[in-house]
Amino acid sequence: MAEILQTILEELNIEHKVFTIIADNAANNETLMSELYYNLKEKLDTKEKFQDFKDWIAICAV
């Protein structure tokens, strides 16, 4: 799933603009964020965008 999202970001030429990703609380989102974080960090060599892949917040509707 992370590969698909990264491909879309690259095709739109916005992978360097990602600041926040909003997701529901599905269990696989942690895996998605982890893989996407490491892939983008390696590709962009950025330390400013994400401090850690756990900087994401799952949406919780009350």
PDB file of N, CA and C in Angstrom:
ATOM      1  N   MET A   1       0.817  -1.193   0.000  1.00  0.00           N
ATOM      2  CA  MET A   1       0.000   0.000   0.000  1.00  0.00           C
ATOM      3  C   MET A   1       0.867   1.266   0.000  1.00  0.00           C
ATOM      4  N   ALA A   2       1.973   1.220   0.748  1.00  0.00           N
ATOM      5  CA  ALA A   2       2.879   2.371   0.785  1.00  0.00           C
ATOM      6  C   ALA A   2       3.490   2.624  -0.584  1.00  0.00           C
ATOM      7  N   GLU A   3       3.796   1.543  -1.302  1.00  0.00           N
ATOM      8  CA  GLU A   3       4.371   1.687  -2.643  1.00  0.00           C
ATOM      9  C   GLU A   3       3.382   2.360  -3.589  1.00  0.00           C
ATOM     10  N   ILE A   4       2.115   2.007  -3.468  1.00  0.00           N
ATOM     11  CA  ILE A   4       1.087   2.610  -4.318  1.00  0.00           C
ATOM     12  C   ILE A   4       0.963   4.093  -4.010  1.00  0.00           C
ATOM     13  N   LEU A   5       0.901   4.430  -2.721  1.00  0.00           N
ATOM     14  CA  LEU A   5       0.787   5.840  -2.327  1.00  0.00           C
ATOM     15  C   LEU A   5       2.014   6.621  -2.772  1.00  0.00           C
ATOM     16  N   GLN A   6       3.186   6.045  -2.601  1.00  0.00           N
ATOM     17  CA  GLN A   6       4.411   6.731  -3.017  1.00  0.00           C
ATOM     18  C   GLN A   6       4.428   6.940  -4.530  1.00  0.00           C
ATOM     19  N   THR A   7       3.983   5.960  -5.301  1.00  0.00           N
ATOM     20  CA  THR A   7       3.916   6.097  -6.757  1.00  0.00           C
ATOM     21  C   THR A   7       2.987   7.239  -7.143  1.00  0.00           C
ATOM     22  N   ILE A   8       1.851   7.330  -6.498  1.00  0.00           N
ATOM     23  CA  ILE A   8       0.910   8.421  -6.783  1.00  0.00           C
ATOM     24  C   ILE A   8       1.535   9.764  -6.436  1.00  0.00           C
ATOM     25  N   LEU A   9       2.194   9.853  -5.285  1.00  0.00           N
ATOM     26  CA  LEU A   9       2.852  11.101  -4.886  1.00  0.00           C
ATOM     27  C   LEU A   9       3.915  11.503  -5.903  1.00  0.00           C
ATOM     28  N   GLU A  10       4.666  10.527  -6.388  1.00  0.00           N
ATOM     29  CA  GLU A  10       5.707  10.798  -7.387  1.00  0.00           C
ATOM     30  C   GLU A  10       5.103  11.231  -8.717  1.00  0.00           C
ATOM     31  N   GLU A  11       4.038  10.549  -9.150  1.00  0.00           N
ATOM     32  CA  GLU A  11       3.400  10.911 -10.419  1.00  0.00           C
ATOM     33  C   GLU A  11       2.849  12.334 -10.378  1.00  0.00           C
ATOM     34  N   LEU A  12       2.360  12.744  -9.227  1.00  0.00           N
ATOM     35  CA  LEU A  12       1.835  14.108  -9.071  1.00  0.00           C
ATOM     36  C   LEU A  12       2.938  15.104  -8.721  1.00  0.00           C
ATOM     37  N   ASN A  13       4.158  14.585  -8.552  1.00  0.00           N
ATOM     38  CA  ASN A  13       5.317  15.397  -8.188  1.00  0.00           C
ATOM     39  C   ASN A  13       5.082  16.192  -6.905  1.00  0.00           C
ATOM     40  N   ILE A  14       4.529  15.521  -5.906  1.00  0.00           N
ATOM     41  CA  ILE A  14       4.275  16.195  -4.629  1.00  0.00           C
ATOM     42  C   ILE A  14       4.879  15.447  -3.436  1.00  0.00           C
ATOM     43  N   GLU A  15       5.714  14.431  -3.696  1.00  0.00           N
ATOM     44  CA  GLU A  15       6.260  13.675  -2.579  1.00  0.00           C
ATOM     45  C   GLU A  15       7.103  14.538  -1.650  1.00  0.00           C
ATOM     46  N   HIS A  16       7.704  15.592  -2.175  1.00  0.00           N
ATOM     47  CA  HIS A  16       8.508  16.486  -1.344  1.00  0.00           C
ATOM     48  C   HIS A  16       7.652  17.504  -0.586  1.00  0.00           C
ATOM     49  N   LYS A  17       6.351  17.523  -0.846  1.00  0.00           N
ATOM     50  CA  LYS A  17       5.448  18.466  -0.192  1.00  0.00           C
ATOM     51  C   LYS A  17       4.607  17.837   0.914  1.00  0.00           C
ATOM     52  N   VAL A  18       4.735  16.538   1.111  1.00  0.00           N
ATOM     53  CA  VAL A  18       3.921  15.857   2.122  1.00  0.00           C
ATOM     54  C   VAL A  18       4.303  16.359   3.507  1.00  0.00           C
ATOM     55  N   PHE A  19       3.310  16.829   4.219  1.00  0.00           N
ATOM     56  CA  PHE A  19       3.535  17.316   5.579  1.00  0.00           C
ATOM     57  C   PHE A  19       2.712  16.517   6.580  1.00  0.00           C
ATOM     58  N   THR A  20       1.502  16.181   6.188  1.00  0.00           N
ATOM     59  CA  THR A  20       0.582  15.478   7.075  1.00  0.00           C
ATOM     60  C   THR A  20      -0.194  14.439   6.283  1.00  0.00           C
ATOM     61  N   ILE A  21      -0.434  13.336   6.910  1.00  0.00           N
ATOM     62  CA  ILE A  21      -1.310  12.319   6.343  1.00  0.00           C
ATOM     63  C   ILE A  21      -2.382  12.027   7.386  1.00  0.00           C
ATOM     64  N   ILE A  22      -3.611  12.139   6.977  1.00  0.00           N
ATOM     65  CA  ILE A  22      -4.738  11.867   7.863  1.00  0.00           C
ATOM     66  C   ILE A  22      -5.260  10.477   7.542  1.00  0.00           C
ATOM     67  N   ALA A  23      -5.405   9.665   8.565  1.00  0.00           N
ATOM     68  CA  ALA A  23      -5.851   8.287   8.360  1.00  0.00           C
ATOM     69  C   ALA A  23      -6.819   7.891   9.460  1.00  0.00           C
ATOM     70  N   ASP A  24      -7.574   6.849   9.178  1.00  0.00           N
ATOM     71  CA  ASP A  24      -8.440   6.313  10.228  1.00  0.00           C
ATOM     72  C   ASP A  24      -7.586   5.442  11.152  1.00  0.00           C
ATOM     73  N   ASN A  25      -8.204   4.758  12.073  1.00  0.00           N
ATOM     74  CA  ASN A  25      -7.433   3.991  13.044  1.00  0.00           C
ATOM     75  C   ASN A  25      -7.269   2.525  12.656  1.00  0.00           C
ATOM     76  N   ALA A  26      -7.258   2.237  11.371  1.00  0.00           N
ATOM     77  CA  ALA A  26      -7.047   0.865  10.909  1.00  0.00           C
ATOM     78  C   ALA A  26      -5.651   0.396  11.314  1.00  0.00           C
ATOM     79  N   ALA A  27      -5.546  -0.861  11.659  1.00  0.00           N
ATOM     80  CA  ALA A  27      -4.289  -1.406  12.166  1.00  0.00           C
ATOM     81  C   ALA A  27      -3.148  -1.326  11.158  1.00  0.00           C
ATOM     82  N   ASN A  28      -3.455  -1.423   9.865  1.00  0.00           N
ATOM     83  CA  ASN A  28      -2.379  -1.423   8.864  1.00  0.00           C
ATOM     84  C   ASN A  28      -1.832  -0.032   8.568  1.00  0.00           C
ATOM     85  N   ASN A  29      -2.412   1.014   9.120  1.00  0.00           N
ATOM     86  CA  ASN A  29      -1.904   2.363   8.866  1.00  0.00           C
ATOM     87  C   ASN A  29      -0.524   2.579   9.470  1.00  0.00           C
ATOM     88  N   GLU A  30      -0.231   1.915  10.583  1.00  0.00           N
ATOM     89  CA  GLU A  30       1.109   2.056  11.166  1.00  0.00           C
ATOM     90  C   GLU A  30       2.163   1.489  10.217  1.00  0.00           C
ATOM     91  N   THR A  31       1.867   0.365   9.579  1.00  0.00           N
ATOM     92  CA  THR A  31       2.780  -0.218   8.598  1.00  0.00           C
ATOM     93  C   THR A  31       2.932   0.701   7.390  1.00  0.00           C
ATOM     94  N   LEU A  32       1.819   1.236   6.905  1.00  0.00           N
ATOM     95  CA  LEU A  32       1.846   2.163   5.772  1.00  0.00           C
ATOM     96  C   LEU A  32       2.721   3.370   6.096  1.00  0.00           C
ATOM     97  N   MET A  33       2.493   3.985   7.252  1.00  0.00           N
ATOM     98  CA  MET A  33       3.255   5.179   7.617  1.00  0.00           C
ATOM     99  C   MET A  33       4.730   4.869   7.808  1.00  0.00           C
ATOM    100  N   SER A  34       5.031   3.736   8.391  1.00  0.00           N
ATOM    101  CA  SER A  34       6.421   3.345   8.598  1.00  0.00           C
ATOM    102  C   SER A  34       7.149   3.186   7.271  1.00  0.00           C
ATOM    103  N   GLU A  35       6.573   2.434   6.359  1.00  0.00           N
ATOM    104  CA  GLU A  35       7.207   2.215   5.057  1.00  0.00           C
ATOM    105  C   GLU A  35       7.316   3.504   4.250  1.00  0.00           C
ATOM    106  N   LEU A  36       6.247   4.279   4.233  1.00  0.00           N
ATOM    107  CA  LEU A  36       6.268   5.533   3.479  1.00  0.00           C
ATOM    108  C   LEU A  36       7.306   6.484   4.057  1.00  0.00           C
ATOM    109  N   TYR A  37       7.366   6.565   5.366  1.00  0.00           N
ATOM    110  CA  TYR A  37       8.354   7.428   6.034  1.00  0.00           C
ATOM    111  C   TYR A  37       9.769   7.061   5.615  1.00  0.00           C
ATOM    112  N   TYR A  38      10.117   5.787   5.742  1.00  0.00           N
ATOM    113  CA  TYR A  38      11.477   5.376   5.426  1.00  0.00           C
ATOM    114  C   TYR A  38      11.793   5.506   3.941  1.00  0.00           C
ATOM    115  N   ASN A  39      10.824   5.233   3.080  1.00  0.00           N
ATOM    116  CA  ASN A  39      11.040   5.392   1.640  1.00  0.00           C
ATOM    117  C   ASN A  39      11.257   6.855   1.270  1.00  0.00           C
ATOM    118  N   LEU A  40      10.414   7.746   1.799  1.00  0.00           N
ATOM    119  CA  LEU A  40      10.564   9.163   1.479  1.00  0.00           C
ATOM    120  C   LEU A  40      11.818   9.742   2.117  1.00  0.00           C
ATOM    121  N   LYS A  41      12.125   9.326   3.326  1.00  0.00           N
ATOM    122  CA  LYS A  41      13.324   9.830   3.992  1.00  0.00           C
ATOM    123  C   LYS A  41      14.573   9.452   3.203  1.00  0.00           C
ATOM    124  N   GLU A  42      14.607   8.209   2.729  1.00  0.00           N
ATOM    125  CA  GLU A  42      15.748   7.749   1.937  1.00  0.00           C
ATOM    126  C   GLU A  42      15.847   8.508   0.615  1.00  0.00           C
ATOM    127  N   LYS A  43      14.703   8.690  -0.035  1.00  0.00           N
ATOM    128  CA  LYS A  43      14.697   9.340  -1.339  1.00  0.00           C
ATOM    129  C   LYS A  43      14.985  10.837  -1.238  1.00  0.00           C
ATOM    130  N   LEU A  44      14.353  11.492  -0.276  1.00  0.00           N
ATOM    131  CA  LEU A  44      14.457  12.943  -0.178  1.00  0.00           C
ATOM    132  C   LEU A  44      15.533  13.404   0.787  1.00  0.00           C
ATOM    133  N   ASP A  45      16.024  12.491   1.615  1.00  0.00           N
ATOM    134  CA  ASP A  45      17.022  12.815   2.627  1.00  0.00           C
ATOM    135  C   ASP A  45      16.605  14.054   3.412  1.00  0.00           C
ATOM    136  N   THR A  46      15.399  14.044   3.918  1.00  0.00           N
ATOM    137  CA  THR A  46      14.887  15.189   4.647  1.00  0.00           C
ATOM    138  C   THR A  46      14.754  14.884   6.127  1.00  0.00           C
ATOM    139  N   LYS A  47      15.070  15.855   6.934  1.00  0.00           N
ATOM    140  CA  LYS A  47      14.907  15.715   8.372  1.00  0.00           C
ATOM    141  C   LYS A  47      13.859  16.687   8.879  1.00  0.00           C
ATOM    142  N   GLU A  48      13.367  17.536   7.994  1.00  0.00           N
ATOM    143  CA  GLU A  48      12.427  18.575   8.406  1.00  0.00           C
ATOM    144  C   GLU A  48      10.988  18.111   8.401  1.00  0.00           C
ATOM    145  N   LYS A  49      10.625  17.235   7.489  1.00  0.00           N
ATOM    146  CA  LYS A  49       9.222  16.873   7.325  1.00  0.00           C
ATOM    147  C   LYS A  49       8.702  16.040   8.484  1.00  0.00           C
ATOM    148  N   PHE A  50       9.223  14.824   8.607  1.00  0.00           N
ATOM    149  CA  PHE A  50       8.770  13.911   9.648  1.00  0.00           C
ATOM    150  C   PHE A  50       9.902  13.682  10.626  1.00  0.00           C
ATOM    151  N   GLN A  51       9.612  13.781  11.883  1.00  0.00           N
ATOM    152  CA  GLN A  51      10.619  13.455  12.889  1.00  0.00           C
ATOM    153  C   GLN A  51      10.678  11.954  13.100  1.00  0.00           C
ATOM    154  N   ASP A  52       9.541  11.315  12.943  1.00  0.00           N
ATOM    155  CA  ASP A  52       9.446   9.880  13.114  1.00  0.00           C
ATOM    156  C   ASP A  52       8.164   9.425  12.448  1.00  0.00           C
ATOM    157  N   PHE A  53       8.112   8.167  12.055  1.00  0.00           N
ATOM    158  CA  PHE A  53       6.898   7.699  11.397  1.00  0.00           C
ATOM    159  C   PHE A  53       5.727   7.661  12.362  1.00  0.00           C
ATOM    160  N   LYS A  54       5.962   7.732  13.641  1.00  0.00           N
ATOM    161  CA  LYS A  54       4.872   7.704  14.615  1.00  0.00           C
ATOM    162  C   LYS A  54       4.304   9.100  14.868  1.00  0.00           C
ATOM    163  N   ASP A  55       4.691  10.087  14.073  1.00  0.00           N
ATOM    164  CA  ASP A  55       4.147  11.440  14.194  1.00  0.00           C
ATOM    165  C   ASP A  55       2.755  11.557  13.605  1.00  0.00           C
ATOM    166  N   TRP A  56       2.211  10.485  13.088  1.00  0.00           N
ATOM    167  CA  TRP A  56       0.868  10.519  12.519  1.00  0.00           C
ATOM    168  C   TRP A  56      -0.161  10.372  13.635  1.00  0.00           C
ATOM    169  N   ILE A  57      -1.331  10.901  13.388  1.00  0.00           N
ATOM    170  CA  ILE A  57      -2.413  10.833  14.357  1.00  0.00           C
ATOM    171  C   ILE A  57      -3.596  10.166  13.684  1.00  0.00           C
ATOM    172  N   ALA A  58      -4.093   9.138  14.292  1.00  0.00           N
ATOM    173  CA  ALA A  58      -5.279   8.462  13.775  1.00  0.00           C
ATOM    174  C   ALA A  58      -6.512   9.251  14.182  1.00  0.00           C
ATOM    175  N   ILE A  59      -7.457   9.353  13.287  1.00  0.00           N
ATOM    176  CA  ILE A  59      -8.708  10.066  13.547  1.00  0.00           C
ATOM    177  C   ILE A  59      -9.597   9.215  14.451  1.00  0.00           C
ATOM    178  N   CYS A  60     -10.128   9.852  15.430  1.00  0.00           N
ATOM    179  CA  CYS A  60     -11.033   9.158  16.356  1.00  0.00           C
ATOM    180  C   CYS A  60     -12.312   9.983  16.441  1.00  0.00           C
ATOM    181  N   ALA A  61     -13.368   9.466  15.866  1.00  0.00           N
ATOM    182  CA  ALA A  61     -14.653  10.165  15.914  1.00  0.00           C
ATOM    183  C   ALA A  61     -15.383   9.757  17.188  1.00  0.00           C
ATOM    184  N   VAL A  62     -15.920  10.742  17.851  1.00  0.00           N
ATOM    185  CA  VAL A  62     -16.656  10.472  19.099  1.00  0.00           C
ATOM    186  C   VAL A  62     -18.116  10.771  18.894  1.00  0.00           C
TER     187      VAL A  62
END
